[in-house]
Protein backbone atom coordinates (compact mmCIF):
# COMPACT_ATOMS: atom_id res chain seq x y z
CA MET A 1 -7.88 -24.66 36.19
CA SER A 2 -6.30 -21.49 38.57
CA GLU A 3 -4.38 -20.57 35.11
CA VAL A 4 -7.17 -20.44 33.17
CA ARG A 5 -9.17 -18.13 35.41
CA LYS A 6 -6.21 -15.80 35.01
CA GLN A 7 -5.65 -15.86 31.11
CA VAL A 8 -10.24 -15.42 31.24
CA ALA A 9 -9.92 -13.01 34.44
CA GLY A 10 -6.88 -10.67 31.74
CA ARG A 11 -9.14 -11.10 28.85
CA ALA A 12 -12.11 -9.70 30.56
CA ARG A 13 -10.08 -6.82 32.12
CA PRO A 14 -11.41 -3.01 30.44
CA ARG A 15 -9.78 -1.10 28.64
CA ARG A 16 -7.94 1.56 29.87
CA LEU A 17 -10.71 4.40 28.25
CA LEU A 18 -10.01 8.37 28.49
CA PRO A 19 -12.14 10.23 30.47
CA LEU A 20 -15.31 11.74 28.29
CA TRP A 21 -13.77 15.54 29.18
CA ALA A 22 -10.26 14.21 28.28
CA ALA A 23 -11.59 12.74 25.04
CA ALA A 24 -13.86 15.61 24.40
CA ALA A 25 -10.69 17.81 24.64
CA ALA A 26 -8.58 15.44 22.57
CA VAL A 27 -11.03 15.53 19.56
CA VAL A 28 -11.50 19.36 19.99
CA LEU A 29 -7.47 19.35 19.11
CA VAL A 30 -7.29 17.11 16.45
CA ALA A 31 -10.54 18.26 14.68
CA VAL A 32 -9.95 21.72 14.53
CA ASN A 33 -6.73 21.14 12.72
CA LEU A 34 -8.31 18.67 10.14
CA ARG A 35 -9.20 21.28 7.51
CA PRO A 36 -7.46 24.85 7.54
CA GLY A 37 -4.38 23.56 5.72
CA ALA A 38 -6.89 23.05 3.03
CA THR A 39 -8.70 26.87 3.53
CA SER A 40 -6.74 28.92 3.95
CA VAL A 41 -4.88 29.04 0.81
CA GLY A 42 -7.93 30.10 -1.01
CA PRO A 43 -7.99 33.63 0.75
CA VAL A 44 -3.83 34.08 -0.41
CA LEU A 45 -3.98 32.30 -3.14
CA ALA A 46 -3.09 35.48 -5.40
CA GLU A 47 -0.26 36.27 -2.90
CA LEU A 48 0.63 33.12 -2.77
CA GLN A 49 1.22 32.75 -6.42
CA ALA A 50 3.59 36.13 -6.72
CA GLY A 51 5.35 35.18 -4.30
CA LEU A 52 6.47 31.78 -5.27
CA GLY A 53 6.26 32.59 -8.76
CA MET A 54 3.51 29.44 -9.10
CA ASP A 55 1.63 29.16 -12.52
CA PRO A 56 -1.73 28.81 -12.99
CA THR A 57 -1.59 25.49 -13.75
CA LEU A 58 0.23 24.37 -10.88
CA ALA A 59 -1.76 26.34 -8.51
CA GLY A 60 -5.06 24.24 -10.17
CA VAL A 61 -2.80 21.69 -8.72
CA LEU A 62 -2.46 22.94 -5.65
CA THR A 63 -5.95 23.74 -5.15
CA ALA A 64 -7.37 19.89 -6.22
CA LEU A 65 -4.34 18.56 -3.48
CA PRO A 66 -6.76 17.84 -0.70
CA GLY A 67 -9.52 15.55 -2.31
CA LEU A 68 -6.51 13.74 -4.05
CA THR A 69 -4.41 13.31 -1.09
CA PHE A 70 -7.27 12.57 1.33
CA ALA A 71 -8.54 9.71 -1.10
CA ALA A 72 -4.86 8.59 -1.48
CA VAL A 73 -3.75 8.68 1.77
CA GLY A 74 -7.18 7.91 4.03
CA ALA A 75 -7.19 4.14 2.11
CA LEU A 76 -4.18 3.62 4.00
CA ALA A 77 -5.13 5.02 7.21
CA VAL A 78 -6.63 1.65 8.90
CA ALA A 79 -3.27 -0.16 8.10
CA LEU A 80 -1.15 2.31 9.53
CA SER A 81 -3.11 2.11 12.79
CA ARG A 82 -3.17 -1.62 13.35
CA ARG A 83 0.52 -1.17 13.44
CA ALA A 84 1.11 2.18 15.46
CA GLY A 85 -2.47 1.56 17.10
CA ILE A 86 -4.92 4.67 16.39
CA ASN A 87 -4.06 7.27 18.70
CA GLY A 88 -0.06 6.58 17.47
CA THR A 89 -1.09 7.31 14.41
CA ILE A 90 -3.76 10.13 14.98
CA ALA A 91 -0.37 11.66 16.67
CA ALA A 92 2.00 10.85 13.64
CA GLY A 93 -0.86 12.20 11.70
CA LEU A 94 -0.76 15.67 13.68
CA ALA A 95 3.18 15.71 13.42
CA ALA A 96 3.08 15.81 9.72
CA VAL A 97 -0.13 18.43 9.34
CA ALA A 98 2.84 20.67 11.52
CA ALA A 99 5.77 20.23 9.77
CA GLY A 100 3.95 20.82 6.35
CA LEU A 101 2.29 23.56 6.83
CA LEU A 102 5.22 25.05 9.05
CA LEU A 103 7.54 24.67 6.20
CA ARG A 104 5.41 25.34 3.53
CA SER A 105 5.02 28.68 5.01
CA VAL A 106 9.36 29.34 4.37
CA VAL A 107 10.37 27.70 1.63
CA GLU A 108 10.30 29.34 -1.84
CA SER A 109 10.48 27.00 -4.34
CA PRO A 110 6.48 26.20 -6.03
CA VAL A 111 7.10 22.62 -6.59
CA ALA A 112 8.70 22.38 -2.62
CA PHE A 113 5.58 23.78 -1.40
CA LEU A 114 3.32 22.00 -3.08
CA LEU A 115 5.20 18.65 -1.50
CA LEU A 116 4.95 20.03 1.81
CA SER A 117 1.22 20.56 1.04
CA MET A 118 0.59 16.96 0.31
CA LEU A 119 2.57 16.03 3.87
CA ALA A 120 0.17 18.01 5.58
CA PHE A 121 -2.68 17.23 3.68
CA GLY A 122 -1.75 12.91 3.82
CA GLY A 123 -1.89 13.83 7.84
CA MET A 124 -5.55 15.21 8.11
CA ALA A 125 -6.83 12.39 6.15
CA VAL A 126 -5.22 10.19 9.09
CA GLY A 127 -7.39 11.87 11.06
CA ASN A 128 -10.25 11.94 8.81
CA ILE A 129 -10.27 8.07 8.82
CA LEU A 130 -9.24 7.63 12.52
CA VAL A 131 -10.67 9.90 14.86
CA PRO A 132 -14.38 8.79 14.22
CA ALA A 133 -12.72 5.04 15.57
CA PHE A 134 -11.34 6.67 18.60
CA ILE A 135 -14.49 8.70 19.28
CA LYS A 136 -16.32 5.15 19.08
CA ARG A 137 -13.77 3.56 21.19
CA HIS A 138 -13.79 6.35 24.03
CA GLY A 139 -17.28 7.66 24.10
CA GLY A 140 -19.38 5.20 25.36
CA ALA A 141 -22.90 6.16 25.95
CA ARG A 142 -21.93 9.40 24.88
CA THR A 143 -20.36 9.05 21.60
CA ALA A 144 -23.27 10.75 19.71
CA LEU A 145 -22.25 13.67 22.18
CA LEU A 146 -18.55 13.37 20.97
CA ASN A 147 -19.49 13.43 17.71
CA SER A 148 -21.41 16.36 17.34
CA VAL A 149 -18.14 17.99 19.12
CA TYR A 150 -16.15 16.37 16.63
CA GLY A 151 -18.57 18.17 13.51
CA THR A 152 -18.86 21.39 14.83
CA THR A 153 -15.29 21.79 15.09
CA LEU A 154 -14.34 20.63 11.39
CA ALA A 155 -16.59 23.70 10.63
CA VAL A 156 -15.22 26.18 13.27
CA GLY A 157 -11.87 24.93 11.54
CA ALA A 158 -12.73 25.71 8.14
CA THR A 159 -14.35 28.95 9.11
CA LEU A 160 -11.33 30.34 10.89
CA PRO A 161 -8.66 30.56 7.94
CA LEU A 162 -11.40 32.55 5.51
CA LEU A 163 -11.96 35.28 8.49
CA ILE A 164 -8.57 36.30 9.50
CA ALA A 165 -6.24 35.56 6.72
CA ALA A 166 -6.99 38.79 5.10
CA PRO A 167 -5.98 41.21 8.32
CA LEU A 168 -2.66 38.89 9.17
CA ALA A 169 -1.98 39.08 5.13
CA ALA A 170 -2.35 42.79 5.26
CA ARG A 171 0.32 43.42 7.24
CA GLY A 172 3.47 43.21 4.84
CA THR A 173 5.05 41.57 1.99
CA ASP A 174 5.34 38.17 3.82
CA GLY A 175 1.73 38.49 5.66
CA TRP A 176 0.14 35.50 3.22
CA GLN A 177 3.34 33.59 4.61
CA VAL A 178 2.38 34.27 8.34
CA SER A 179 -1.21 33.53 7.34
CA LEU A 180 -0.45 29.96 6.82
CA ARG A 181 2.34 29.41 8.92
CA VAL A 182 -0.37 30.07 12.37
CA TRP A 183 -2.16 26.58 11.47
CA GLY A 184 0.98 24.89 11.40
CA ALA A 185 1.70 26.14 15.26
CA ALA A 186 -2.19 25.29 15.75
CA ALA A 187 -1.44 21.65 14.90
CA LEU A 188 1.65 21.57 16.61
CA LEU A 189 0.12 22.73 19.61
CA ALA A 190 -2.07 19.67 19.56
CA VAL A 191 0.92 17.15 18.64
CA VAL A 192 2.16 17.77 22.32
CA PRO A 193 -1.06 16.23 24.22
CA TRP A 194 -1.54 13.31 21.01
CA ALA A 195 1.75 12.24 21.61
CA ALA A 196 0.71 11.63 25.35
CA ILE A 197 -2.21 9.89 24.92
CA ALA A 198 -0.32 7.21 22.46
CA PHE A 199 2.41 6.83 24.82
CA ARG A 200 0.01 6.27 27.33
CA SER A 201 -2.11 3.98 25.44
CA ARG A 202 1.24 1.66 24.62
CA ARG A 203 2.01 1.51 28.08
CA ALA A 204 -1.65 -0.14 28.41
CA ARG A 205 -0.93 -2.19 25.46
CA ALA A 206 2.33 -3.44 26.97
CA GLY A 207 0.87 -3.96 30.50
CA ALA A 208 -2.12 -5.87 28.85
CA PRO A 209 -1.49 -9.74 29.70
CA ALA A 210 -1.02 -11.62 26.75
CA ARG A 211 -3.94 -13.73 25.02
CA ALA A 212 -3.62 -17.49 25.18
CA PRO A 213 -3.92 -19.12 22.46
CA ARG A 214 -7.30 -19.84 21.34
CA ARG A 215 -8.06 -23.87 21.42
CA ARG A 216 -9.78 -25.83 18.64
CA ARG A 217 -12.28 -27.74 19.91
CA ARG A 218 -12.48 -31.34 19.02
CA PRO A 219 -15.72 -32.35 17.75
CA ALA A 220 -17.56 -34.62 19.44
CA CYS A 221 -18.05 -37.26 17.34
CA LEU A 222 -14.20 -38.12 17.79
CA HIS A 223 -14.61 -39.10 21.45
CA ARG A 224 -16.50 -42.21 20.06
CA PRO A 225 -15.50 -45.23 19.44
CA GLY A 226 -15.53 -46.25 15.80
CA HIS A 227 -15.18 -42.86 14.46
CA PHE A 228 -12.56 -40.67 12.38
CA ARG A 229 -12.35 -36.93 10.97
CA THR A 230 -12.50 -36.07 7.55
CA GLY A 231 -12.03 -32.96 5.64
CA GLY A 232 -16.05 -32.37 5.76
CA GLY A 233 -16.32 -33.56 9.91
CA CYS A 234 -16.67 -37.27 10.66
CA VAL A 235 -17.72 -40.77 9.96
């Protein structure tokens, strides 16, 4: 009986959740980086085309990439989270955002720029799908508050590039690259705390007691003499 009690107590032990302030900070860090990779291109598109020699067809593909990538990668986000956990997958998505945005600001090939943009947009798609799940897990009674923080920060992240792109692009011939690079740096800063959150949750899962296998209960009729089991029950 003591062993059974230990197993029940282990299953009833609450998950280690983040404090509200830490969960809110984590949400802000990821949400502010889920839109700039897409909205920062429009204000400097003409300079980008001139600098990379990008023709109008590829420029049209670039403007359509966010929606296409969000749909394609977003469908895979849940499957990825089952393998790496929600926190680990969000951290990996942020790393993809940072790598894609930083590297695309230094390449000289329009095709490479498109491919690296796809990498960044894929990381953003992961966040779009999994951050609401993170909020639901850690929000508790304050889930509505965290959802408000998330929505507001998404809007801020989408708007900021429109406000600062022109001043940055006007700094010189490489101003459009600086305008794009700054958002890669912002995503890189967010990777560090999210990697710590992912490591913390991984340690918590490793230290959690293993679940005892569920035992199938035998139908009550099998305990009575003269009865035996069939595919549909007992006779």
